[in-house]
Protein backbone atom coordinates (compact mmCIF):
# COMPACT_ATOMS: atom_id res chain seq x y z
CA MET A 1 94.06 69.63 62.26
CA LYS A 2 92.78 73.23 62.06
CA PRO A 3 89.07 72.30 62.53
CA LEU A 4 90.05 70.37 65.68
CA LEU A 5 91.89 73.38 67.09
CA ARG A 6 88.90 75.62 66.43
CA THR A 7 86.57 73.27 68.34
CA LEU A 8 88.97 72.69 71.28
CA PRO A 9 87.84 75.69 73.40
CA LEU A 10 84.21 74.57 73.12
CA ALA A 11 85.17 71.01 74.00
CA THR A 12 87.01 72.09 77.16
CA LEU A 13 83.89 73.86 78.40
CA LEU A 14 82.02 70.57 78.21
CA LEU A 15 84.52 68.70 80.39
CA PRO A 16 83.38 68.76 84.06
CA SER A 17 86.94 68.42 85.32
CA ILE A 18 88.06 71.53 83.43
CA ALA A 19 85.04 73.80 83.56
CA LEU A 20 85.27 76.38 86.33
CA ALA A 21 82.84 78.80 87.86
CA ASP A 22 82.74 81.99 85.81
CA ASP A 23 83.86 84.19 88.68
CA LEU A 24 86.67 82.06 90.09
CA ASN A 25 89.98 83.89 90.11
CA GLY A 26 92.85 81.43 89.85
CA ALA A 27 95.54 83.84 91.05
CA ASN A 28 93.55 84.83 94.13
CA THR A 29 92.73 81.21 94.87
CA ALA A 30 96.37 80.16 94.62
CA TRP A 31 97.46 82.96 96.96
CA ILE A 32 94.83 82.20 99.61
CA LEU A 33 95.72 78.50 99.47
CA THR A 34 99.30 79.53 100.26
CA ALA A 35 98.25 82.06 102.91
CA THR A 36 96.09 79.45 104.63
CA ALA A 37 99.06 77.12 104.98
CA LEU A 38 101.17 80.01 106.31
CA VAL A 39 98.63 80.90 109.01
CA LEU A 40 98.37 77.28 110.17
CA PHE A 41 102.17 77.24 110.19
CA MET A 42 102.01 80.10 112.71
CA THR A 43 100.38 77.82 115.30
CA LEU A 44 101.83 74.47 114.26
CA PRO A 45 104.74 74.70 114.77
CA GLY A 46 105.48 78.45 115.18
CA LEU A 47 103.56 79.47 118.30
CA SER A 48 104.02 76.02 119.82
CA LEU A 49 107.82 76.29 119.66
CA PHE A 50 107.80 79.95 120.69
CA TYR A 51 105.80 79.17 123.83
CA GLY A 52 107.49 75.81 124.42
CA GLY A 53 110.92 77.37 124.76
CA LEU A 54 109.67 80.00 127.20
CA VAL A 55 108.45 77.60 129.89
CA ARG A 56 110.51 75.42 132.21
CA THR A 57 111.82 72.04 131.08
CA LYS A 58 109.21 70.12 133.07
CA ASN A 59 106.34 71.80 131.22
CA VAL A 60 107.50 72.00 127.60
CA LEU A 61 105.41 69.07 126.36
CA SER A 62 102.30 70.36 128.09
CA VAL A 63 102.46 73.58 126.08
CA LEU A 64 103.08 71.76 122.82
CA MET A 65 100.21 69.41 123.63
CA GLN A 66 97.83 72.25 124.44
CA CYS A 67 98.55 74.07 121.16
CA PHE A 68 98.20 70.87 119.14
CA ALA A 69 94.97 69.80 120.82
CA ILE A 70 93.47 73.29 120.47
CA ALA A 71 94.22 73.19 116.74
CA CYS A 72 92.25 69.95 116.45
CA ILE A 73 89.33 71.05 118.63
CA ALA A 74 89.01 74.50 117.05
CA SER A 75 88.94 72.94 113.58
CA LEU A 76 86.03 70.67 114.41
CA ILE A 77 84.07 73.35 116.26
CA TRP A 78 84.53 75.65 113.27
CA PHE A 79 83.26 72.89 110.99
CA ALA A 80 80.29 72.06 113.21
CA PHE A 81 78.88 75.51 113.92
CA GLY A 82 81.60 78.14 114.44
CA TYR A 83 81.83 79.14 110.78
CA SER A 84 78.07 79.38 110.51
CA LEU A 85 77.77 81.53 113.65
CA ALA A 86 80.47 83.87 112.34
CA PHE A 87 79.74 84.11 108.62
CA SER A 88 76.14 83.12 107.89
CA GLU A 89 73.61 85.91 107.52
CA GLY A 90 71.84 85.72 110.88
CA ASN A 91 71.44 89.15 112.39
CA MET A 92 73.69 92.01 113.51
CA ILE A 93 74.75 90.12 116.65
CA ILE A 94 75.33 86.53 115.56
CA GLY A 95 75.01 84.34 112.51
CA ASP A 96 72.49 81.53 112.22
CA LEU A 97 73.09 77.79 111.79
CA SER A 98 72.32 77.64 108.09
CA LYS A 99 75.94 76.69 107.34
CA ALA A 100 76.42 74.31 110.26
CA PHE A 101 78.63 71.36 109.29
CA PHE A 102 79.40 73.37 106.13
CA ASN A 103 75.88 72.74 104.90
CA GLY A 104 75.48 73.50 101.22
CA MET A 105 79.21 73.99 100.69
CA GLY A 106 80.61 72.14 97.71
CA LYS A 107 83.70 72.43 95.56
CA ASP A 108 81.84 74.85 93.28
CA SER A 109 80.58 77.09 96.10
CA MET A 110 82.05 80.56 95.92
CA SER A 111 82.92 83.30 98.41
CA GLY A 112 83.67 86.30 96.24
CA ASP A 113 86.04 85.04 93.57
CA ILE A 114 87.60 82.21 95.60
CA PRO A 115 86.05 78.86 96.56
CA GLU A 116 84.03 79.04 99.77
CA PRO A 117 85.73 75.89 101.17
CA LEU A 118 89.01 77.81 100.89
CA PHE A 119 87.58 80.88 102.61
CA ALA A 120 86.21 78.67 105.41
CA MET A 121 89.58 76.96 105.78
CA PHE A 122 91.45 80.27 105.79
CA GLN A 123 89.20 81.55 108.56
CA MET A 124 89.63 78.24 110.39
CA THR A 125 93.34 78.92 110.78
CA PHE A 126 92.45 82.19 112.55
CA VAL A 127 90.15 80.46 115.02
CA ILE A 128 92.93 77.94 115.66
CA ILE A 129 95.57 80.46 116.68
CA THR A 130 93.35 82.69 118.80
CA PRO A 131 92.66 80.32 121.74
CA ALA A 132 96.18 78.94 121.31
CA LEU A 133 97.53 82.41 122.12
CA ILE A 134 95.70 82.29 125.46
CA VAL A 135 97.77 79.25 126.48
CA GLY A 136 100.63 81.61 127.34
CA ALA A 137 98.65 83.15 130.21
CA PHE A 138 98.03 79.96 132.19
CA ALA A 139 101.12 78.00 131.13
CA GLU A 140 102.52 75.54 133.67
CA ARG A 141 99.44 75.30 135.91
CA MET A 142 96.10 74.56 134.18
CA LYS A 143 94.57 71.10 133.93
CA PHE A 144 94.54 69.73 130.42
CA SER A 145 90.84 68.92 130.74
CA SER A 146 90.19 72.55 131.66
CA VAL A 147 92.07 73.73 128.58
CA LEU A 148 89.91 71.56 126.35
CA ILE A 149 86.55 72.45 127.89
CA SER A 150 87.26 76.18 128.05
CA THR A 151 88.27 76.13 124.37
CA VAL A 152 85.07 74.32 123.39
CA LEU A 153 83.05 77.04 125.16
CA TRP A 154 85.16 80.05 124.25
CA ILE A 155 85.08 79.71 120.46
CA PRO A 156 81.28 79.86 119.98
CA LEU A 157 80.64 82.22 122.91
CA VAL A 158 83.45 84.76 122.35
CA TYR A 159 85.31 84.34 119.08
CA ALA A 160 82.36 83.66 116.77
CA PRO A 161 80.24 86.65 117.90
CA VAL A 162 83.11 89.15 117.69
CA CYS A 163 84.13 87.72 114.31
CA HIS A 164 80.56 88.19 113.10
CA TRP A 165 80.42 91.78 114.40
CA VAL A 166 83.59 92.74 112.51
CA TRP A 167 83.90 90.46 109.47
CA GLY A 168 80.56 88.70 109.12
CA GLY A 169 78.27 91.64 108.46
CA GLY A 170 77.61 92.43 112.10
CA TRP A 171 77.05 95.75 113.79
CA LEU A 172 80.61 96.94 114.51
CA ALA A 173 81.57 97.04 110.85
CA SER A 174 78.23 97.78 109.21
CA GLN A 175 76.93 100.39 111.66
CA PHE A 176 80.10 101.89 113.11
CA GLY A 177 82.63 101.34 110.32
CA VAL A 178 85.24 99.71 112.57
CA LEU A 179 88.45 98.99 110.68
CA ASP A 180 90.07 95.65 111.47
CA PHE A 181 91.88 94.20 108.50
CA ALA A 182 93.28 90.99 109.96
CA GLY A 183 92.29 90.61 113.60
CA GLY A 184 93.14 93.39 116.04
CA THR A 185 89.77 92.99 117.73
CA VAL A 186 88.79 89.52 116.55
CA VAL A 187 92.09 87.82 117.42
CA HIS A 188 94.45 89.92 119.52
CA ILE A 189 92.11 91.82 121.84
CA THR A 190 89.91 88.79 122.47
CA ALA A 191 92.94 86.57 123.16
CA GLY A 192 94.72 89.20 125.26
CA VAL A 193 91.72 90.06 127.43
CA ALA A 194 90.81 86.40 127.88
CA ALA A 195 94.41 85.74 128.88
CA LEU A 196 94.37 88.47 131.52
CA VAL A 197 91.06 87.31 132.98
CA THR A 198 92.23 83.71 133.06
CA ALA A 199 95.56 84.63 134.68
CA LEU A 200 93.74 86.56 137.41
CA MET A 201 91.28 83.74 138.04
CA ILE A 202 93.79 80.89 138.05
CA GLY A 203 96.33 82.75 140.19
CA ASN A 204 100.09 83.05 140.01
CA ARG A 205 102.44 80.13 139.63
CA ASN A 206 103.91 78.81 142.86
CA GLY A 207 106.90 81.00 143.72
CA PHE A 208 106.02 83.85 141.37
CA PRO A 209 107.46 86.51 141.34
CA HIS A 210 110.27 85.67 143.78
CA THR A 211 111.43 82.36 142.28
CA PRO A 212 113.29 82.75 138.97
CA MET A 213 111.45 81.03 136.09
CA PRO A 214 113.64 81.68 133.03
CA PRO A 215 112.94 80.18 129.59
CA HIS A 216 114.42 76.72 129.32
CA ASN A 217 115.30 76.82 125.60
CA MET A 218 115.73 80.16 123.86
CA THR A 219 116.87 78.43 120.68
CA MET A 220 113.43 76.83 120.43
CA THR A 221 111.78 80.19 121.10
CA VAL A 222 113.76 82.02 118.41
CA THR A 223 112.97 79.24 115.93
CA GLY A 224 109.29 79.61 116.70
CA ALA A 225 109.55 83.41 116.45
CA GLY A 226 111.00 83.16 112.96
CA MET A 227 108.15 80.88 111.92
CA LEU A 228 105.64 83.36 113.33
CA TRP A 229 107.19 86.21 111.36
CA VAL A 230 107.01 84.29 108.09
CA GLY A 231 103.54 82.91 108.81
CA TRP A 232 102.24 86.38 109.63
CA PHE A 233 102.50 87.32 105.95
CA GLY A 234 99.70 84.83 105.34
CA PHE A 235 97.80 86.24 108.29
CA ASN A 236 97.85 89.87 107.15
CA ALA A 237 98.48 89.79 103.41
CA GLY A 238 96.13 86.84 103.05
CA SER A 239 93.35 88.89 104.62
CA ALA A 240 93.20 90.91 101.40
CA LEU A 241 91.60 87.77 99.92
CA SER A 242 93.28 88.65 96.63
CA ALA A 243 96.67 88.51 94.95
CA GLY A 244 97.07 92.20 94.21
CA GLY A 245 98.21 95.54 95.51
CA ASP A 246 96.31 95.30 98.80
CA ALA A 247 98.05 92.04 99.69
CA ALA A 248 101.43 93.40 98.63
CA MET A 249 101.07 96.53 100.76
CA ALA A 250 99.80 94.52 103.73
CA MET A 251 102.86 92.29 103.48
CA LEU A 252 105.22 95.26 103.25
CA VAL A 253 103.78 97.15 106.22
CA THR A 254 103.70 93.93 108.27
CA HIS A 255 107.41 93.43 107.74
CA ILE A 256 108.29 97.05 108.50
CA SER A 257 106.30 97.04 111.73
CA ALA A 258 107.86 93.76 112.88
CA ALA A 259 111.39 95.07 112.29
CA ALA A 260 110.64 98.39 113.99
CA GLY A 261 108.99 96.71 116.98
CA SER A 262 111.95 94.36 117.43
CA LEU A 263 114.52 97.15 117.41
CA ALA A 264 112.44 99.45 119.61
CA TRP A 265 112.04 96.79 122.32
CA MET A 266 115.70 95.80 122.07
CA THR A 267 116.86 99.41 122.37
CA ILE A 268 114.76 100.15 125.46
CA GLU A 269 115.98 96.98 127.11
CA TRP A 270 119.59 97.79 126.24
CA LEU A 271 119.33 101.28 127.72
CA LYS A 272 117.40 100.14 130.79
CA PHE A 273 119.25 96.95 131.70
CA GLY A 274 122.62 97.39 130.00
CA LYS A 275 122.32 94.46 127.58
CA PRO A 276 119.99 93.58 124.70
CA SER A 277 118.38 90.17 125.12
CA VAL A 278 117.32 87.67 122.50
CA LEU A 279 114.01 87.29 124.34
CA GLY A 280 113.51 91.04 124.07
CA ILE A 281 114.09 91.31 120.34
CA VAL A 282 111.76 88.41 119.49
CA THR A 283 109.06 89.68 121.86
CA GLY A 284 109.32 93.09 120.21
CA MET A 285 108.82 91.38 116.88
CA VAL A 286 105.57 89.79 118.08
CA ALA A 287 104.44 93.15 119.46
CA GLY A 288 105.11 94.81 116.11
CA LEU A 289 103.28 92.09 114.23
CA GLY A 290 100.27 92.04 116.53
CA THR A 291 99.94 95.81 116.52
CA ILE A 292 100.09 96.24 112.75
CA THR A 293 97.56 93.44 112.18
CA PRO A 294 94.32 95.48 112.38
CA ALA A 295 95.88 98.36 110.41
CA SER A 296 97.78 96.34 107.81
CA GLY A 297 95.26 96.86 105.01
CA PHE A 298 94.70 100.55 105.69
CA VAL A 299 98.10 102.17 106.29
CA GLY A 300 101.21 102.89 104.28
CA PRO A 301 104.89 102.20 105.07
CA GLY A 302 105.32 105.44 107.04
CA GLY A 303 102.38 104.63 109.28
CA ALA A 304 103.70 101.09 109.73
CA LEU A 305 107.05 102.43 110.94
CA VAL A 306 105.38 104.58 113.59
CA ILE A 307 103.06 101.75 114.61
CA GLY A 308 105.97 99.31 114.96
CA ILE A 309 108.09 101.67 117.06
CA THR A 310 105.11 102.55 119.24
CA ALA A 311 104.32 98.86 119.68
CA GLY A 312 107.83 98.05 120.87
CA VAL A 313 107.81 100.88 123.41
CA VAL A 314 104.25 100.59 124.72
CA CYS A 315 104.18 96.80 124.92
CA PHE A 316 107.54 96.75 126.71
CA TYR A 317 106.27 99.03 129.46
CA ALA A 318 102.94 97.19 129.58
CA THR A 319 104.86 93.98 130.28
CA GLN A 320 106.79 95.67 133.08
CA LEU A 321 103.53 97.01 134.55
CA ILE A 322 101.73 93.67 134.51
CA LYS A 323 104.61 91.57 135.82
CA ARG A 324 106.49 93.91 138.15
CA LYS A 325 103.99 96.49 139.39
CA LEU A 326 100.69 94.61 139.40
CA VAL A 327 102.35 91.19 139.98
CA ILE A 328 99.96 89.38 137.65
CA ASP A 329 101.39 86.13 136.35
CA ASP A 330 100.37 86.30 132.70
CA SER A 331 103.16 83.78 132.22
CA LEU A 332 104.18 84.47 128.62
CA ASP A 333 102.95 88.09 128.38
CA VAL A 334 99.86 87.48 126.28
CA PHE A 335 97.91 90.54 127.42
CA PRO A 336 100.72 93.13 127.39
CA VAL A 337 101.89 91.99 123.94
CA HIS A 338 98.79 90.79 122.10
CA GLY A 339 96.06 92.55 124.07
CA VAL A 340 97.77 95.91 124.38
CA GLY A 341 99.16 95.57 120.86
CA GLY A 342 95.72 94.80 119.47
CA ILE A 343 94.20 97.79 121.27
CA LEU A 344 96.99 100.09 120.15
CA GLY A 345 96.91 98.91 116.53
CA THR A 346 93.14 99.14 116.28
CA MET A 347 93.18 102.72 117.53
CA LEU A 348 96.13 103.76 115.35
CA ALA A 349 94.40 102.31 112.29
CA GLY A 350 91.92 105.15 112.71
CA VAL A 351 94.76 107.66 112.59
CA PHE A 352 97.06 106.34 109.87
CA ALA A 353 94.26 105.33 107.51
CA SER A 354 93.95 109.04 106.82
CA THR A 355 94.94 110.13 103.30
CA SER A 356 95.98 113.63 104.41
CA ILE A 357 99.01 113.18 106.70
CA GLY A 358 101.77 113.33 104.12
CA ALA A 359 104.31 110.53 104.12
CA PHE A 360 102.33 108.75 106.82
CA SER A 361 99.08 108.65 104.85
CA GLY A 362 97.06 105.50 104.42
CA HIS A 363 94.30 104.32 102.12
CA GLY A 364 91.24 106.06 103.54
CA PHE A 365 88.60 105.68 106.22
CA ALA A 366 85.64 103.32 106.26
CA ASP A 367 82.69 104.04 104.00
CA GLY A 368 80.64 106.93 105.31
CA ILE A 369 83.40 108.23 107.60
CA GLU A 370 85.13 111.42 106.51
CA THR A 371 87.24 112.61 109.45
CA MET A 372 90.00 111.14 111.57
CA GLY A 373 88.08 111.94 114.74
CA ALA A 374 85.04 110.01 113.58
CA GLN A 375 87.14 107.00 112.58
CA VAL A 376 89.06 107.00 115.87
CA TRP A 377 85.73 107.13 117.72
CA SER A 378 84.52 104.09 115.76
CA GLN A 379 87.74 102.26 116.60
CA PHE A 380 87.27 103.14 120.27
CA VAL A 381 83.75 101.71 120.25
CA GLY A 382 85.08 98.50 118.72
CA VAL A 383 87.90 98.23 121.26
CA ILE A 384 85.76 98.89 124.35
CA THR A 385 82.97 96.60 123.22
CA THR A 386 85.38 93.77 122.51
CA ILE A 387 87.17 94.20 125.85
CA VAL A 388 84.01 94.22 127.96
CA PHE A 389 82.28 91.39 126.10
CA THR A 390 85.38 89.18 126.14
CA ALA A 391 86.10 89.82 129.82
CA VAL A 392 82.56 89.02 130.97
CA MET A 393 82.17 85.93 128.82
CA THR A 394 85.62 84.57 129.67
CA TYR A 395 84.90 84.98 133.38
CA ILE A 396 81.70 82.95 133.00
CA ILE A 397 83.45 80.32 130.87
CA ILE A 398 86.27 79.82 133.38
CA LYS A 399 83.75 79.55 136.23
CA VAL A 400 81.74 76.92 134.34
CA THR A 401 84.91 75.07 133.36
CA GLY A 402 86.05 74.96 136.99
CA TRP A 403 82.69 73.59 138.04
CA ILE A 404 82.86 70.84 135.40
CA THR A 405 86.46 69.82 136.10
CA GLY A 406 86.50 70.35 139.86
CA GLY A 407 88.85 73.31 139.60
CA ILE A 408 90.81 74.57 136.63
CA ARG A 409 94.23 74.25 138.22
CA VAL A 410 96.47 71.33 139.15
CA ASP A 411 97.39 71.06 142.82
CA LYS A 412 100.60 72.41 144.29
CA ASP A 413 102.51 69.13 144.30
CA GLU A 414 101.56 68.41 140.70
CA GLU A 415 102.67 71.88 139.65
CA THR A 416 105.99 71.35 141.39
CA GLN A 417 106.50 68.01 139.63
CA GLY A 418 105.63 69.49 136.25
CA LEU A 419 102.70 69.03 133.90
CA ASP A 420 104.59 66.86 131.43
CA LEU A 421 104.79 63.91 133.81
CA VAL A 422 101.66 64.62 135.84
CA LEU A 423 99.24 65.09 132.94
CA HIS A 424 100.88 63.24 130.06
CA ASP A 425 103.31 60.78 131.68
CA GLU A 426 106.02 61.89 129.29
CA ALA A 427 109.17 64.00 129.43
CA GLY A 428 110.31 66.55 126.91
CA TYR A 429 113.94 65.52 127.20
CA LYS A 430 115.60 62.20 128.04
CA LEU A 431 119.29 63.04 128.43
């Protein structure tokens, strides 16, 4: 028996089903598999339910349908050429098509110490949720065909280039040292700015702001909010791409910021309006989560607390400004929560990444950057570039989409009847 035991390790190396690539890390692979499922869970069903409860009864299915369809379309675009444009070598501006249709990617292909198919799938869940976030800006009034076409255009023309600039070896990270751990620029600023541009171009809902349009099902919204909170651990902690201290700290600061953002928003609302609302506390949670996202791998718990409180306060007043002062019908507050939160978090990452601010210290600046001022300047360049590029490209995309579909918006009578029946011939509730 002993000779057999001595030869067993050698025998296992000869079995194709057991032999693994030398640099594959099983713990990291297991964690990113889990994180990938969590991030998909954020969109399906988390964001879908969160948004679905916020619209009126006659439009609930349309929102669920839009999120579901976007998940399918984004997945196939990512497979066809989105991943290649974002993460192949290319140049400083955009990747090439060498990895189109996942060319050359097999089960033994590696990205660092995890399988490349897993890395591609993890990044796919990010490209799924980003255009799905934009749905909240045009809810209750955009043609379904317009949603599909604009998504097909927006992913390769907006998301993929910005992703390449920040995470794919492009110029913002490599030349300017922009810090964005999990998507402040790539996800939240692009989605928020695109949402604002789309809301301005499509126009306000009929009756806005004089006709009350309260959420039809806050129970659904709170359920979705809870799913988002849990899923966000995969979003931020998964972006460490490892099962170690970086992921653990990213998870911790994500949770602290979410809690602080929730309570900050709730408190302001309580003081201002006399009662704390459920909608307020869950929206504050999303603000805290979105704002910590770009900083989650660079700051400590003290910085996360400040970021979360700041997110709750700033995003609350941004919402009031957009809806009440400027009378822009960003229906579900995508820009003031995600856009403003992404901007705020990206800038504050440059502050709280510093290792010299006591209890609020983080983990250090980007390579080659030695001062807080220099890092904040880099963050500013990243923010401004992303805003301008996204705004211009989204404007063009919406114009082209309108030309293809004969207008991006349903007519007034169809909007009054509700998109569920008009576009899908179904009703969300049969009571």
